[in-house]
Amino acid sequence: MCDATAAISAGKAVAGYAAEQEKVNAENEARSENIQSAQRDNIVRNNAAQIDYQLDVKAQNQEEFDAVIAKRAAMSSSATYAASSGVTGKSVTNTLQAIAQAGNRNKTRLDDKEEVIERNYEARTRAIKSDLEQSYASNRFQDGPSPIGMVLGIAGAGLEANERAIARGGNGFLG
């Protein structure tokens, strides 16, 4: 014989499980969309960082080239002027050394600038990666409800129905 209260209790357990699973599925879908959005943003930001880096390096290489050409031009001009003027000796050597030292200072400055470009790029890409990792951390997927809870709810409803049958003077249906 079917106990209506047991059937209702078992139905509530199944319905509660289904509703909880549906809620978890919806939340996990939203988390998945957030993660996918963060991944797309990560790709766009990394591409922009790479392009900026390439442009900075290109500009840096041009500056280095310009500095080398300027140093060579200054040395050639000084040597040519000194030779055409008949100037020789220590003053010409000192002038050429001063030009070489200025060129070396420019080279050092440009090398330092290159290191700054490199460090800025690395810091920017680390920040982008960190943002993506934060998105993963804040959008952890939830596990669905345990089917054991549903089974225990159904079993409890059956046990209560059995106890009610015994209380009415019957043998119960479990024994």
Protein backbone atom coordinates (compact mmCIF):
# COMPACT_ATOMS: atom_id res chain seq x y z
CA MET A 1 0.00 0.00 0.00
CA CYS A 2 1.27 3.41 -0.92
CA ASP A 3 1.65 5.99 1.82
CA ALA A 4 0.76 9.42 0.41
CA THR A 5 2.92 11.26 2.95
CA ALA A 6 5.91 9.11 2.02
CA ALA A 7 5.33 9.76 -1.67
CA ILE A 8 5.12 13.50 -1.04
CA SER A 9 8.27 13.47 1.11
CA ALA A 10 10.15 11.45 -1.48
CA GLY A 11 8.92 13.79 -4.23
CA LYS A 12 10.10 16.80 -2.23
CA ALA A 13 13.55 15.21 -1.85
CA VAL A 14 13.80 14.63 -5.59
CA ALA A 15 12.45 18.09 -6.43
CA GLY A 16 14.81 19.73 -3.93
CA TYR A 17 17.75 17.89 -5.46
CA ALA A 18 16.73 18.89 -8.99
CA ALA A 19 16.22 22.54 -7.99
CA GLU A 20 19.60 22.69 -6.26
CA GLN A 21 21.31 21.08 -9.26
CA GLU A 22 19.65 23.58 -11.60
CA LYS A 23 20.82 26.48 -9.42
CA VAL A 24 24.40 25.18 -9.35
CA ASN A 25 24.35 24.64 -13.12
CA ALA A 26 23.19 28.23 -13.70
CA GLU A 27 25.86 29.62 -11.36
CA ASN A 28 28.56 27.51 -12.99
CA GLU A 29 27.43 28.69 -16.44
CA ALA A 30 27.77 32.31 -15.29
CA ARG A 31 31.22 31.54 -13.89
CA SER A 32 32.20 29.91 -17.17
CA GLU A 33 31.10 33.01 -19.09
CA ASN A 34 33.12 35.22 -16.72
CA ILE A 35 36.20 33.08 -17.24
CA GLN A 36 35.78 33.08 -21.02
CA SER A 37 35.42 36.86 -20.97
CA ALA A 38 38.57 37.16 -18.85
CA GLN A 39 40.44 34.89 -21.27
CA ARG A 40 39.38 37.00 -24.25
CA ASP A 41 40.41 40.16 -22.39
CA ASN A 42 43.74 38.52 -21.54
CA ILE A 43 44.41 37.79 -25.22
CA VAL A 44 43.55 41.35 -26.27
CA ARG A 45 45.68 42.89 -23.51
CA ASN A 46 48.63 40.57 -24.22
CA ASN A 47 48.45 41.39 -27.93
CA ALA A 48 48.40 45.12 -27.14
CA ALA A 49 51.37 44.72 -24.79
CA GLN A 50 53.29 42.79 -27.45
CA ILE A 51 52.58 45.41 -30.11
CA ASP A 52 53.57 48.25 -27.76
CA TYR A 53 56.76 46.39 -26.86
CA GLN A 54 57.64 45.84 -30.52
CA LEU A 55 57.06 49.52 -31.30
CA ASP A 56 59.16 50.57 -28.29
CA VAL A 57 61.99 48.25 -29.35
CA LYS A 58 61.79 49.52 -32.93
CA ALA A 59 62.00 53.13 -31.71
CA GLN A 60 64.86 52.17 -29.39
CA ASN A 61 66.77 50.53 -32.23
CA GLN A 62 66.29 53.66 -34.34
CA GLU A 63 67.62 55.82 -31.51
CA GLU A 64 70.67 53.58 -31.17
CA PHE A 65 71.26 53.72 -34.91
CA ASP A 66 70.90 57.51 -34.90
CA ALA A 67 73.37 57.80 -31.99
CA VAL A 68 75.96 55.65 -33.76
CA ILE A 69 75.58 57.66 -36.98
CA ALA A 70 75.82 60.95 -35.06
CA LYS A 71 79.00 59.79 -33.30
CA ARG A 72 80.60 58.69 -36.58
CA ALA A 73 79.57 61.92 -38.30
CA ALA A 74 80.97 64.05 -35.47
CA MET A 75 84.26 62.16 -35.45
CA SER A 76 84.57 62.34 -39.24
CA SER A 77 83.72 66.02 -39.31
CA SER A 78 86.22 66.81 -36.57
CA ALA A 79 88.97 64.76 -38.18
CA THR A 80 88.26 66.28 -41.61
CA TYR A 81 88.16 69.84 -40.21
CA ALA A 82 91.40 69.30 -38.31
CA ALA A 83 93.13 67.85 -41.35
CA SER A 84 91.92 70.61 -43.68
CA SER A 85 92.95 73.27 -41.21
CA GLY A 86 96.35 71.73 -40.65
CA VAL A 87 95.65 71.20 -36.96
CA THR A 88 97.36 68.20 -35.45
CA GLY A 89 98.39 66.92 -32.09
CA LYS A 90 96.79 66.72 -28.70
CA SER A 91 93.84 69.02 -29.35
CA VAL A 92 92.58 66.84 -32.23
CA THR A 93 93.06 63.68 -30.17
CA ASN A 94 91.24 65.27 -27.20
CA THR A 95 88.37 66.37 -29.43
CA LEU A 96 88.00 62.88 -30.90
CA GLN A 97 88.17 61.33 -27.42
CA ALA A 98 85.47 63.71 -26.16
CA ILE A 99 83.24 62.77 -29.09
CA ALA A 100 83.87 59.07 -28.41
CA GLN A 101 83.07 59.52 -24.71
CA ALA A 102 79.83 61.35 -25.53
CA GLY A 103 78.91 58.51 -27.90
CA ASN A 104 79.64 55.97 -25.17
CA ARG A 105 77.47 57.90 -22.71
CA ASN A 106 74.66 57.91 -25.27
CA LYS A 107 75.13 54.17 -25.78
CA THR A 108 74.95 53.56 -22.00
CA ARG A 109 71.85 55.72 -21.71
CA LEU A 110 70.22 53.86 -24.58
CA ASP A 111 71.15 50.48 -23.05
CA ASP A 112 69.55 51.60 -19.78
CA LYS A 113 66.46 52.69 -21.68
CA GLU A 114 66.33 49.28 -23.38
CA GLU A 115 66.38 47.57 -19.97
CA VAL A 116 63.53 49.82 -18.81
CA ILE A 117 61.49 48.90 -21.89
CA GLU A 118 62.12 45.20 -21.16
CA ARG A 119 61.19 45.52 -17.45
CA ASN A 120 58.03 47.50 -18.26
CA TYR A 121 56.91 44.86 -20.75
CA GLU A 122 57.56 42.04 -18.27
CA ALA A 123 55.71 43.89 -15.49
CA ARG A 124 52.76 44.59 -17.79
CA THR A 125 52.46 40.96 -18.90
CA ARG A 126 52.77 39.74 -15.28
CA ALA A 127 49.92 42.07 -14.29
CA ILE A 128 47.79 40.78 -17.17
CA LYS A 129 48.50 37.18 -16.14
CA SER A 130 47.72 38.01 -12.52
CA ASP A 131 44.36 39.49 -13.54
CA LEU A 132 43.49 36.29 -15.39
CA GLU A 133 44.54 34.15 -12.43
CA GLN A 134 42.38 36.32 -10.17
CA SER A 135 39.44 35.72 -12.50
CA TYR A 136 40.00 31.97 -12.24
CA ALA A 137 40.25 32.18 -8.46
CA SER A 138 37.09 34.24 -8.06
CA ASN A 139 35.05 32.06 -10.42
CA ARG A 140 35.56 28.60 -8.99
CA PHE A 141 33.00 26.08 -10.11
CA GLN A 142 30.66 24.65 -7.50
CA ASP A 143 29.93 20.98 -7.08
CA GLY A 144 26.31 19.99 -7.49
CA PRO A 145 24.26 18.69 -4.63
CA SER A 146 25.04 15.22 -3.42
CA PRO A 147 22.67 12.53 -4.70
CA ILE A 148 23.22 10.85 -1.34
CA GLY A 149 21.13 13.62 0.23
CA MET A 150 18.30 12.85 -2.15
CA VAL A 151 18.58 9.10 -1.48
CA LEU A 152 18.61 9.73 2.27
CA GLY A 153 15.52 11.94 1.90
CA ILE A 154 13.68 9.17 0.03
CA ALA A 155 14.87 6.55 2.54
CA GLY A 156 13.77 8.75 5.43
CA ALA A 157 10.33 9.13 3.87
CA GLY A 158 10.12 5.35 3.53
CA LEU A 159 11.24 4.81 7.12
CA GLU A 160 8.66 7.30 8.39
CA ALA A 161 5.96 5.55 6.34
CA ASN A 162 7.03 2.23 7.81
CA GLU A 163 6.88 3.64 11.34
CA ARG A 164 3.40 5.04 10.69
CA ALA A 165 2.23 1.64 9.39
CA ILE A 166 3.55 -0.06 12.53
CA ALA A 167 1.93 2.60 14.72
CA ARG A 168 -1.42 1.85 13.05
CA GLY A 169 -1.01 -1.76 14.11
CA GLY A 170 0.43 -3.21 10.93
CA ASN A 171 3.66 -5.11 10.40
CA GLY A 172 5.19 -2.34 8.34
CA PHE A 173 6.58 -2.97 4.92
CA LEU A 174 10.31 -3.04 5.75
CA GLY A 175 10.21 -6.09 7.94
